[in-house]
Amino acid sequence: MRQRLDDARALLSLAVDTHDDVVLADLRAEADALSDAVADFGIRMSLDGAFDLRGAVVVVRAAGTGEDAATLVVTVLRRYLEWAERHGHVIAMPDDVPPGSRLRQGALIVAAPYAYGLLRAEAGRHRAGAAEVTVTVAPLVEDDDPETVRDQDVRVDVMCTRNPATASVRFTHLPTGWSVSFRNDARAGQQREIAYRVLRSLLLVADVDNRN
């Protein structure tokens, strides 16, 4: 950022001397970008939690039984998806959430540094009108983290429908009740790995707390 600022100062001096309005317009855009970068850097410097540097897993659950809550789950998931894409973060979702669909629960992985530190404050209840959802944010598990999910603790349900394209698979961690679903299609193998990683991430903090 210092180098960018030095370069901008040099260009500003040149643009003023030559009355180059095009360069001045570019410098205004660069000044705005630098301002945003400094603000983002300040936020990151304040993140000092044990897992704040990690990516994040975000799980959104309907807090009621009505259709409005199921619709809000998708709306909130898409909001986090758009936030992550806007910040250039890598995203993985166990299942598709097209606009207008309804889900009782959905999850996404934001695989980027600081994602957990930036998103953990989002945990809790979110309301829109009469609809309400709960948001859980967990640090993304890494390869050298302890194994927290045993095969015997996971129930696998294949949910078939009249339309084979909408069939899905659900992983449920029996001791905690956490579940992750994904479409049972050509990507099922890859999605299964993502779902398993989501479950491990959700159990990571509780496992660390128990060992401490």
Protein backbone atom coordinates (compact mmCIF):
# COMPACT_ATOMS: atom_id res chain seq x y z
CA MET A 1 0.00 0.00 0.00
CA ARG A 2 2.92 2.36 0.67
CA GLN A 3 4.30 1.66 -2.79
CA ARG A 4 0.89 2.32 -4.34
CA LEU A 5 0.64 5.58 -2.41
CA ASP A 6 4.12 6.69 -3.54
CA ASP A 7 3.26 5.87 -7.15
CA ALA A 8 -0.01 7.79 -6.89
CA ARG A 9 1.76 10.87 -5.50
CA ALA A 10 4.23 10.83 -8.37
CA LEU A 11 1.43 10.51 -10.93
CA LEU A 12 -0.54 13.28 -9.21
CA SER A 13 2.34 15.69 -9.50
CA LEU A 14 2.76 14.85 -13.18
CA ALA A 15 -0.98 15.06 -13.91
CA VAL A 16 -1.28 18.48 -12.25
CA ASP A 17 1.67 19.83 -14.21
CA THR A 18 0.28 18.55 -17.51
CA HIS A 19 -3.42 19.14 -16.73
CA ASP A 20 -4.15 15.50 -17.60
CA ASP A 21 -7.79 14.98 -16.57
CA VAL A 22 -7.75 11.29 -17.56
CA VAL A 23 -4.90 10.50 -15.15
CA LEU A 24 -6.58 12.59 -12.44
CA ALA A 25 -9.76 10.54 -12.83
CA ASP A 26 -7.72 7.32 -12.54
CA LEU A 27 -6.04 8.69 -9.42
CA ARG A 28 -9.41 9.39 -7.80
CA ALA A 29 -10.37 5.76 -8.34
CA GLU A 30 -7.00 4.64 -6.95
CA ALA A 31 -7.47 6.89 -3.89
CA ASP A 32 -10.84 5.25 -3.18
CA ALA A 33 -9.33 1.79 -3.62
CA LEU A 34 -6.46 2.64 -1.27
CA SER A 35 -8.88 3.95 1.32
CA ASP A 36 -10.83 0.69 1.21
CA ALA A 37 -7.60 -1.33 1.41
CA VAL A 38 -6.41 0.60 4.48
CA ALA A 39 -9.78 0.10 6.21
CA ASP A 40 -9.70 -3.63 5.42
CA PHE A 41 -6.13 -3.89 6.68
CA GLY A 42 -7.14 -2.19 9.93
CA ILE A 43 -9.91 -4.72 10.47
CA ARG A 44 -7.56 -7.62 9.82
CA MET A 45 -4.99 -6.25 12.27
CA SER A 46 -7.64 -6.37 15.00
CA LEU A 47 -8.35 -10.08 14.43
CA ASP A 48 -6.31 -11.96 17.01
CA GLY A 49 -8.49 -14.98 17.84
CA ALA A 50 -7.04 -18.47 17.68
CA PHE A 51 -8.81 -19.26 14.40
CA ASP A 52 -9.30 -15.78 12.94
CA LEU A 53 -6.77 -16.32 10.14
CA ARG A 54 -8.67 -19.30 8.77
CA GLY A 55 -11.37 -19.76 6.21
CA ALA A 56 -14.91 -20.22 7.47
CA VAL A 57 -17.88 -22.53 7.32
CA VAL A 58 -21.26 -20.79 7.50
CA VAL A 59 -24.39 -22.81 8.28
CA VAL A 60 -27.85 -21.23 8.10
CA ARG A 61 -30.84 -23.00 9.68
CA ALA A 62 -34.53 -22.13 9.66
CA ALA A 63 -35.63 -21.17 13.19
CA GLY A 64 -39.30 -21.89 12.49
CA THR A 65 -41.42 -24.34 10.57
CA GLY A 66 -43.01 -21.96 8.08
CA GLU A 67 -42.15 -21.52 4.42
CA ASP A 68 -40.94 -17.96 5.08
CA ALA A 69 -38.11 -19.25 7.27
CA ALA A 70 -37.10 -21.79 4.60
CA THR A 71 -37.05 -19.03 2.00
CA LEU A 72 -34.99 -16.81 4.31
CA VAL A 73 -32.37 -19.56 4.65
CA VAL A 74 -31.69 -19.31 0.91
CA THR A 75 -31.75 -15.50 0.99
CA VAL A 76 -29.18 -15.36 3.79
CA LEU A 77 -26.96 -17.99 2.17
CA ARG A 78 -26.95 -16.03 -1.08
CA ARG A 79 -26.07 -12.86 0.85
CA TYR A 80 -22.95 -14.54 2.26
CA LEU A 81 -22.19 -16.05 -1.14
CA GLU A 82 -22.32 -12.61 -2.77
CA TRP A 83 -20.17 -11.11 0.01
CA ALA A 84 -17.53 -13.79 -0.49
CA GLU A 85 -17.51 -13.48 -4.27
CA ARG A 86 -17.25 -9.68 -3.97
CA HIS A 87 -14.14 -10.12 -1.82
CA GLY A 88 -12.61 -12.66 -4.19
CA HIS A 89 -12.92 -15.58 -1.79
CA VAL A 90 -13.10 -19.20 -2.95
CA ILE A 91 -16.51 -20.75 -2.36
CA ALA A 92 -17.75 -24.31 -2.08
CA MET A 93 -21.37 -25.21 -1.39
CA PRO A 94 -22.63 -28.71 -0.64
CA ASP A 95 -25.82 -27.96 -2.57
CA ASP A 96 -27.15 -25.44 -5.08
CA VAL A 97 -29.47 -22.70 -3.82
CA PRO A 98 -31.17 -21.11 -6.84
CA PRO A 99 -33.32 -18.01 -6.24
CA GLY A 100 -36.85 -18.84 -5.13
CA SER A 101 -35.90 -22.22 -3.62
CA ARG A 102 -36.46 -23.19 0.01
CA LEU A 103 -34.13 -24.96 2.43
CA ARG A 104 -34.46 -25.87 6.09
CA GLN A 105 -30.67 -25.71 6.34
CA GLY A 106 -27.79 -24.80 4.05
CA ALA A 107 -24.04 -24.43 4.31
CA LEU A 108 -21.17 -22.83 2.45
CA ILE A 109 -17.39 -22.77 2.77
CA VAL A 110 -15.53 -19.47 2.45
CA ALA A 111 -11.99 -20.66 1.80
CA ALA A 112 -9.85 -17.57 2.28
CA PRO A 113 -7.55 -16.11 4.96
CA TYR A 114 -9.37 -14.11 7.66
CA ALA A 115 -12.80 -15.31 6.54
CA TYR A 116 -13.58 -16.75 9.98
CA GLY A 117 -12.35 -13.64 11.77
CA LEU A 118 -14.44 -11.42 9.50
CA LEU A 119 -17.59 -13.54 9.64
CA ARG A 120 -17.73 -14.90 13.19
CA ALA A 121 -19.63 -11.85 14.40
CA GLU A 122 -22.48 -12.94 12.08
CA ALA A 123 -23.27 -15.94 14.30
CA GLY A 124 -26.67 -15.80 15.97
CA ARG A 125 -30.28 -15.14 14.96
CA HIS A 126 -31.24 -13.16 11.88
CA ARG A 127 -34.80 -11.97 11.27
CA ALA A 128 -36.67 -10.62 8.26
CA GLY A 129 -40.30 -9.85 9.05
CA ALA A 130 -41.79 -12.87 10.81
CA ALA A 131 -39.15 -15.26 9.47
CA GLU A 132 -36.08 -16.12 11.50
CA VAL A 133 -32.92 -18.15 10.93
CA THR A 134 -29.89 -19.05 13.00
CA VAL A 135 -26.38 -18.61 11.61
CA THR A 136 -23.44 -20.68 12.83
CA VAL A 137 -19.91 -19.72 11.80
CA ALA A 138 -17.05 -22.17 12.34
CA PRO A 139 -13.34 -22.04 11.42
CA LEU A 140 -12.49 -24.12 8.37
CA VAL A 141 -10.78 -27.35 9.38
CA GLU A 142 -7.24 -27.98 8.09
CA ASP A 143 -5.52 -31.25 7.18
CA ASP A 144 -3.45 -31.42 10.36
CA ASP A 145 -6.37 -30.73 12.71
CA PRO A 146 -7.52 -33.63 14.90
CA GLU A 147 -10.09 -35.99 13.41
CA THR A 148 -13.42 -35.09 14.99
CA VAL A 149 -15.88 -37.18 12.96
CA ARG A 150 -16.01 -40.96 13.32
CA ASP A 151 -17.67 -43.03 10.61
CA GLN A 152 -19.89 -44.80 13.14
CA ASP A 153 -21.25 -41.43 14.29
CA VAL A 154 -22.45 -40.42 10.81
CA ARG A 155 -25.76 -41.52 9.31
CA VAL A 156 -26.05 -41.30 5.53
CA ASP A 157 -29.55 -40.86 4.07
CA VAL A 158 -30.25 -40.95 0.34
CA MET A 159 -33.40 -38.93 -0.34
CA CYS A 160 -35.04 -39.89 -3.61
CA THR A 161 -37.70 -37.92 -5.43
CA ARG A 162 -39.81 -38.45 -8.53
CA ASN A 163 -37.28 -36.35 -10.40
CA PRO A 164 -33.89 -38.14 -10.19
CA ALA A 165 -32.11 -34.82 -10.84
CA THR A 166 -33.26 -33.53 -7.45
CA ALA A 167 -32.26 -36.59 -5.40
CA SER A 168 -29.90 -35.75 -2.57
CA VAL A 169 -27.70 -37.27 0.13
CA ARG A 170 -27.68 -36.10 3.74
CA PHE A 171 -24.85 -36.63 6.24
CA THR A 172 -26.00 -36.41 9.87
CA HIS A 173 -23.58 -36.35 12.80
CA LEU A 174 -25.61 -38.32 15.36
CA PRO A 175 -24.03 -37.03 18.61
CA THR A 176 -24.69 -33.37 17.72
CA GLY A 177 -27.53 -33.53 15.19
CA TRP A 178 -25.58 -31.45 12.65
CA SER A 179 -26.41 -32.41 9.08
CA VAL A 180 -25.21 -31.44 5.63
CA SER A 181 -27.00 -32.24 2.37
CA PHE A 182 -25.78 -32.28 -1.20
CA ARG A 183 -27.15 -33.15 -4.62
CA ASN A 184 -26.73 -36.80 -5.59
CA ASP A 185 -25.49 -36.15 -9.12
CA ALA A 186 -22.29 -36.43 -11.11
CA ARG A 187 -20.51 -34.27 -8.53
CA ALA A 188 -21.58 -36.44 -5.60
CA GLY A 189 -18.08 -37.66 -4.79
CA GLN A 190 -16.67 -34.14 -4.61
CA GLN A 191 -19.71 -32.85 -2.72
CA ARG A 192 -19.40 -35.70 -0.22
CA GLU A 193 -15.89 -34.52 0.66
CA ILE A 194 -17.16 -30.95 1.11
CA ALA A 195 -19.99 -32.12 3.35
CA TYR A 196 -17.59 -34.15 5.47
CA ARG A 197 -15.30 -31.13 5.81
CA VAL A 198 -18.25 -28.99 6.93
CA LEU A 199 -19.05 -31.47 9.72
CA ARG A 200 -15.42 -31.58 10.85
CA SER A 201 -15.28 -27.79 10.92
CA LEU A 202 -18.45 -27.49 13.00
CA LEU A 203 -16.93 -29.81 15.60
CA LEU A 204 -13.45 -28.26 15.60
CA VAL A 205 -13.90 -25.53 18.21
CA ALA A 206 -15.84 -27.78 20.59
CA ASP A 207 -13.08 -30.39 20.33
CA VAL A 208 -10.33 -27.86 21.06
CA ASP A 209 -12.29 -26.49 24.03
CA ASN A 210 -12.74 -29.99 25.45
CA ARG A 211 -9.02 -30.76 25.15
CA ASN A 212 -8.12 -27.49 26.89
